C-alpha atoms as a PDB file:
ATOM      1  CA  MET A   1     104.385  95.627 120.190  1.00  0.00           C
ATOM      2  CA  ASP A   2     103.104  95.509 116.603  1.00  0.00           C
ATOM      3  CA  VAL A   3      99.640  96.632 115.457  1.00  0.00           C
ATOM      4  CA  SER A   4      98.340  93.101 114.913  1.00  0.00           C
ATOM      5  CA  THR A   5      99.286  92.080 118.443  1.00  0.00           C
ATOM      6  CA  ILE A   6      97.705  95.179 119.975  1.00  0.00           C
ATOM      7  CA  LEU A   7      94.452  94.669 118.075  1.00  0.00           C
ATOM      8  CA  GLN A   8      94.216  90.954 118.706  1.00  0.00           C
ATOM      9  CA  ASN A   9      95.205  91.011 122.411  1.00  0.00           C
ATOM     10  CA  SER A  10      91.596  91.688 123.355  1.00  0.00           C
ATOM     11  CA  LEU A  11      90.121  88.818 121.349  1.00  0.00           C
ATOM     12  CA  PRO A  12      88.552  86.303 120.736  1.00  0.00           C
ATOM     13  CA  ALA A  13      85.914  87.418 123.262  1.00  0.00           C
ATOM     14  CA  SER A  14      83.822  90.495 122.545  1.00  0.00           C
ATOM     15  CA  THR A  15      85.374  93.421 124.318  1.00  0.00           C
ATOM     16  CA  GLU A  16      84.968  97.088 124.887  1.00  0.00           C
ATOM     17  CA  SER A  17      86.747  99.016 122.215  1.00  0.00           C
ATOM     18  CA  LEU A  18      90.427  99.562 122.797  1.00  0.00           C
ATOM     19  CA  PHE A  19      89.981 102.929 121.106  1.00  0.00           C
ATOM     20  CA  ASN A  20      89.350 105.804 123.485  1.00  0.00           C
ATOM     21  CA  ARG A  21      89.348 108.531 120.838  1.00  0.00           C
ATOM     22  CA  ILE A  22      86.892 108.049 117.991  1.00  0.00           C
ATOM     23  CA  ILE A  23      86.150 110.782 115.456  1.00  0.00           C
ATOM     24  CA  THR A  24      82.912 110.232 113.552  1.00  0.00           C
ATOM     25  CA  LEU A  25      83.206 111.581 109.998  1.00  0.00           C
ATOM     26  CA  GLY A  26      80.275 109.716 108.427  1.00  0.00           C
ATOM     27  CA  TRP A  27      76.909 108.531 109.677  1.00  0.00           C
ATOM     28  CA  TYR A  28      74.037 106.338 108.528  1.00  0.00           C
ATOM     29  CA  ASP A  29      72.057 104.987 111.500  1.00  0.00           C
ATOM     30  CA  GLY A  30      75.472 104.544 113.118  1.00  0.00           C
ATOM     31  CA  ILE A  31      79.063 105.356 112.264  1.00  0.00           C
ATOM     32  CA  THR A  32      80.190 104.722 108.673  1.00  0.00           C
ATOM     33  CA  ASP A  33      83.684 106.208 108.699  1.00  0.00           C
ATOM     34  CA  GLY A  34      86.129 108.142 110.780  1.00  0.00           C
ATOM     35  CA  LEU A  35      89.366 108.003 112.716  1.00  0.00           C
ATOM     36  CA  VAL A  36      90.334 106.131 115.887  1.00  0.00           C
ATOM     37  CA  CYS A  37      93.275 106.219 118.256  1.00  0.00           C
ATOM     38  CA  CYS A  38      94.197 103.499 120.733  1.00  0.00           C
ATOM     39  CA  ALA A  39      93.985 104.253 124.456  1.00  0.00           C
ATOM     40  CA  SER A  40      97.729 103.691 124.729  1.00  0.00           C
ATOM     41  CA  GLY A  41      98.307 106.363 122.072  1.00  0.00           C
ATOM     42  CA  SER A  42     100.462 103.946 120.123  1.00  0.00           C
ATOM     43  CA  ILE A  43      98.315 103.275 117.033  1.00  0.00           C
ATOM     44  CA  ALA A  44      95.686 105.100 114.995  1.00  0.00           C
ATOM     45  CA  PHE A  45      93.528 104.220 112.007  1.00  0.00           C
ATOM     46  CA  LYS A  46      91.212 105.654 109.428  1.00  0.00           C
ATOM     47  CA  PHE A  47      88.188 103.358 109.181  1.00  0.00           C
ATOM     48  CA  ASP A  48      85.582 102.877 106.460  1.00  0.00           C
ATOM     49  CA  ILE A  49      82.474 100.739 106.421  1.00  0.00           C
ATOM     50  CA  LEU A  50      82.560  97.568 104.362  1.00  0.00           C
ATOM     51  CA  ALA A  51      79.299  95.911 105.389  1.00  0.00           C
ATOM     52  CA  TRP A  52      76.614  95.791 108.036  1.00  0.00           C
ATOM     53  CA  GLY A  53      74.493  93.044 109.471  1.00  0.00           C
ATOM     54  CA  PRO A  54      70.776  92.567 108.844  1.00  0.00           C
ATOM     55  CA  CYS A  55      69.725  95.160 111.450  1.00  0.00           C
ATOM     56  CA  GLN A  56      72.710  97.472 110.826  1.00  0.00           C
ATOM     57  CA  ASP A  57      73.771  97.070 114.461  1.00  0.00           C
ATOM     58  CA  HIS A  58      76.880  95.018 113.630  1.00  0.00           C
ATOM     59  CA  ARG A  59      79.249  96.693 111.208  1.00  0.00           C
ATOM     60  CA  ILE A  60      82.430  95.621 109.488  1.00  0.00           C
ATOM     61  CA  TYR A  61      85.061  98.236 108.736  1.00  0.00           C
ATOM     62  CA  ALA A  62      88.350  98.336 106.888  1.00  0.00           C
ATOM     63  CA  LEU A  63      91.155  99.765 109.035  1.00  0.00           C
ATOM     64  CA  SER A  64      93.889 101.805 107.343  1.00  0.00           C
ATOM     65  CA  SER A  65      96.907 102.700 109.465  1.00  0.00           C
ATOM     66  CA  ILE A  66      97.730 106.336 110.068  1.00  0.00           C
ATOM     67  CA  SER A  67     100.340 107.730 112.398  1.00  0.00           C
ATOM     68  CA  VAL A  68      99.309 109.098 115.771  1.00  0.00           C
ATOM     69  CA  PRO A  69     100.694 112.537 114.720  1.00  0.00           C
ATOM     70  CA  THR A  70      98.392 112.373 111.661  1.00  0.00           C
ATOM     71  CA  PHE A  71      95.447 111.608 113.959  1.00  0.00           C
ATOM     72  CA  ASN A  72      96.463 114.583 116.111  1.00  0.00           C
ATOM     73  CA  ASP A  73      96.724 116.796 112.987  1.00  0.00           C
ATOM     74  CA  ALA A  74      93.126 115.842 112.160  1.00  0.00           C
ATOM     75  CA  VAL A  75      92.042 116.706 115.723  1.00  0.00           C
ATOM     76  CA  SER A  76      93.807 120.081 115.486  1.00  0.00           C
ATOM     77  CA  PHE A  77      92.197 120.799 112.125  1.00  0.00           C
ATOM     78  CA  LEU A  78      88.724 119.754 113.338  1.00  0.00           C
ATOM     79  CA  ASN A  79      89.030 121.838 116.529  1.00  0.00           C
ATOM     80  CA  GLN A  80      87.682 124.671 114.380  1.00  0.00           C
ATOM     81  CA  LEU A  81      84.317 122.924 114.631  1.00  0.00           C
ATOM     82  CA  GLY A  82      84.390 122.807 118.433  1.00  0.00           C
ATOM     83  CA  LEU A  83      86.274 121.121 121.219  1.00  0.00           C
ATOM     84  CA  PRO A  84      86.559 117.332 121.035  1.00  0.00           C
ATOM     85  CA  LYS A  85      84.294 115.214 123.209  1.00  0.00           C
ATOM     86  CA  TRP A  86      85.940 111.873 123.942  1.00  0.00           C
ATOM     87  CA  PRO A  87      85.580 108.942 123.744  1.00  0.00           C
ATOM     88  CA  ARG A  88      83.521 109.715 120.604  1.00  0.00           C
ATOM     89  CA  TRP A  89      83.575 113.070 118.881  1.00  0.00           C
ATOM     90  CA  ASP A  90      80.790 113.434 116.321  1.00  0.00           C
ATOM     91  CA  VAL A  91      81.922 116.145 113.906  1.00  0.00           C
ATOM     92  CA  ILE A  92      79.537 115.088 111.146  1.00  0.00           C
ATOM     93  CA  GLY A  93      76.832 117.726 110.749  1.00  0.00           C
ATOM     94  CA  ARG A  94      79.123 120.491 112.005  1.00  0.00           C
ATOM     95  CA  TRP A  95      80.764 121.102 108.628  1.00  0.00           C
ATOM     96  CA  PRO A  96      80.295 124.631 107.314  1.00  0.00           C
ATOM     97  CA  SER A  97      78.630 124.815 103.924  1.00  0.00           C
ATOM     98  CA  ASP A  98      81.904 126.099 102.505  1.00  0.00           C
ATOM     99  CA  LEU A  99      84.758 123.881 103.728  1.00  0.00           C
ATOM    100  CA  THR A 100      87.303 126.472 102.599  1.00  0.00           C
ATOM    101  CA  GLN A 101      86.259 128.409 105.731  1.00  0.00           C
ATOM    102  CA  LEU A 102      88.301 125.932 107.744  1.00  0.00           C
ATOM    103  CA  LYS A 103      91.927 127.038 107.980  1.00  0.00           C
ATOM    104  CA  GLY A 104      95.009 125.192 109.033  1.00  0.00           C
ATOM    105  CA  PRO A 105      98.431 123.883 108.063  1.00  0.00           C
ATOM    106  CA  ASN A 106      96.606 121.198 106.104  1.00  0.00           C
ATOM    107  CA  ASN A 107      93.876 123.284 104.580  1.00  0.00           C
ATOM    108  CA  ASP A 108      91.824 120.253 103.680  1.00  0.00           C
ATOM    109  CA  LEU A 109      90.900 117.249 105.825  1.00  0.00           C
ATOM    110  CA  ASN A 110      91.224 115.116 102.704  1.00  0.00           C
ATOM    111  CA  GLN A 111      94.948 115.921 102.605  1.00  0.00           C
ATOM    112  CA  ILE A 112      95.225 114.536 106.122  1.00  0.00           C
ATOM    113  CA  LEU A 113      93.174 111.436 105.294  1.00  0.00           C
ATOM    114  CA  GLN A 114      95.067 110.668 102.076  1.00  0.00           C
ATOM    115  CA  ILE A 115      98.097 109.858 104.195  1.00  0.00           C
ATOM    116  CA  ALA A 116      96.340 106.664 105.336  1.00  0.00           C
ATOM    117  CA  GLU A 117      97.834 103.430 104.095  1.00  0.00           C
ATOM    118  CA  MET A 118      95.826 100.836 102.207  1.00  0.00           C
ATOM    119  CA  PRO A 119      93.517  98.901 104.560  1.00  0.00           C
ATOM    120  CA  SER A 120      95.363  96.164 106.408  1.00  0.00           C
ATOM    121  CA  PHE A 121      92.746  94.929 108.905  1.00  0.00           C
ATOM    122  CA  VAL A 122      89.028  94.317 109.084  1.00  0.00           C
ATOM    123  CA  ILE A 123      87.129  94.758 112.315  1.00  0.00           C
ATOM    124  CA  GLU A 124      83.561  94.048 113.368  1.00  0.00           C
ATOM    125  CA  THR A 125      82.007  96.332 115.966  1.00  0.00           C
ATOM    126  CA  GLU A 126      78.551  97.439 116.931  1.00  0.00           C
ATOM    127  CA  SER A 127      77.228 100.530 115.156  1.00  0.00           C
ATOM    128  CA  MET A 128      78.732 103.026 117.615  1.00  0.00           C
ATOM    129  CA  PHE A 129      82.227 101.461 117.481  1.00  0.00           C
ATOM    130  CA  GLU A 130      82.167 100.750 121.220  1.00  0.00           C
ATOM    131  CA  THR A 131      82.377  96.944 121.285  1.00  0.00           C
ATOM    132  CA  ILE A 132      84.797  94.889 119.200  1.00  0.00           C
ATOM    133  CA  TYR A 133      83.527  91.466 118.120  1.00  0.00           C
ATOM    134  CA  GLY A 134      86.431  90.458 115.924  1.00  0.00           C
ATOM    135  CA  VAL A 135      89.485  91.735 114.106  1.00  0.00           C
ATOM    136  CA  ARG A 136      91.764  90.148 111.558  1.00  0.00           C
ATOM    137  CA  GLU A 137      94.640  91.152 109.364  1.00  0.00           C
ATOM    138  CA  LEU A 138      93.713  91.175 105.678  1.00  0.00           C
ATOM    139  CA  SER A 139      95.161  88.383 103.586  1.00  0.00           C
ATOM    140  CA  LYS A 140      96.313  89.160 100.038  1.00  0.00           C
ATOM    141  CA  ASP A 141      93.212  87.460  98.589  1.00  0.00           C
ATOM    142  CA  CYS A 142      90.882  89.492 100.791  1.00  0.00           C
ATOM    143  CA  SER A 143      92.758  92.745 100.185  1.00  0.00           C
ATOM    144  CA  ASP A 144      91.624  92.442  96.573  1.00  0.00           C
ATOM    145  CA  LEU A 145      87.989  92.639  97.792  1.00  0.00           C
ATOM    146  CA  ILE A 146      88.503  96.032  99.431  1.00  0.00           C
ATOM    147  CA  PRO A 147      87.334  98.964  97.290  1.00  0.00           C
ATOM    148  CA  ASN A 148      89.938 101.451  96.067  1.00  0.00           C
ATOM    149  CA  GLN A 149      87.747 104.298  97.295  1.00  0.00           C
ATOM    150  CA  PHE A 150      85.086 104.365  99.964  1.00  0.00           C
ATOM    151  CA  ASN A 151      81.846 106.280  99.643  1.00  0.00           C
ATOM    152  CA  GLY A 152      80.330 105.805 103.105  1.00  0.00           C
ATOM    153  CA  HIS A 153      77.971 103.076 101.916  1.00  0.00           C
ATOM    154  CA  PRO A 154      78.301  99.408 102.810  1.00  0.00           C
ATOM    155  CA  HIS A 155      78.212  96.536 100.369  1.00  0.00           C
ATOM    156  CA  LEU A 156      74.887  95.023 101.347  1.00  0.00           C
ATOM    157  CA  ASP A 157      75.629  91.535 100.062  1.00  0.00           C
ATOM    158  CA  ASN A 158      78.953  90.735 101.734  1.00  0.00           C
ATOM    159  CA  TYR A 159      78.358  90.931 105.493  1.00  0.00           C
ATOM    160  CA  ASP A 160      78.238  87.128 105.845  1.00  0.00           C
ATOM    161  CA  TYR A 161      81.529  86.782 103.976  1.00  0.00           C
ATOM    162  CA  TRP A 162      83.384  89.238 106.222  1.00  0.00           C
ATOM    163  CA  HIS A 163      81.699  87.939 109.396  1.00  0.00           C
ATOM    164  CA  LYS A 164      82.948  84.425 108.590  1.00  0.00           C
ATOM    165  CA  TYR A 165      86.382  85.772 107.582  1.00  0.00           C
ATOM    166  CA  LEU A 166      86.658  87.208 111.077  1.00  0.00           C
ATOM    167  CA  GLY A 167      85.927  83.731 112.478  1.00  0.00           C
ATOM    168  CA  LEU A 168      82.660  84.770 114.074  1.00  0.00           C
ATOM    169  CA  SER A 169      79.788  82.329 114.351  1.00  0.00           C
ATOM    170  CA  SER A 170      76.387  83.077 112.860  1.00  0.00           C
END
């Protein structure tokens, strides 16, 4: 089964997240970025915030495919910060002041994250990434609207655009 089919099988109705392993890497009144792995263990993504709704409780993220082994490499690397707590492991705030203290085959989490492909989906969830409201594969035109680099901050003026792109009503 391909990624698009797996993601869209649970829609159009709002649903509990199909991700049972969520790693929170960024936070601003809710999750801004991180990694997720599907309950079936068949797909994984790096996700980055694109926009949030007026009350910040609905958030739109770009999903960039990573391999499940890459997700597991990140888990192994982050184990230095403590044992994972699933379904959501909040590692933000546990970073040592000197990241070089973390050791591993990939001595830098950024090396692991750079393996991610360019974003290929957008997804709307609530701020804790527990409920999926909509997901859609990025068209070529919309791919051009995705930033080349993410900084953990949403674009405050484009929530309505992405919400409509996902086919969600106001």
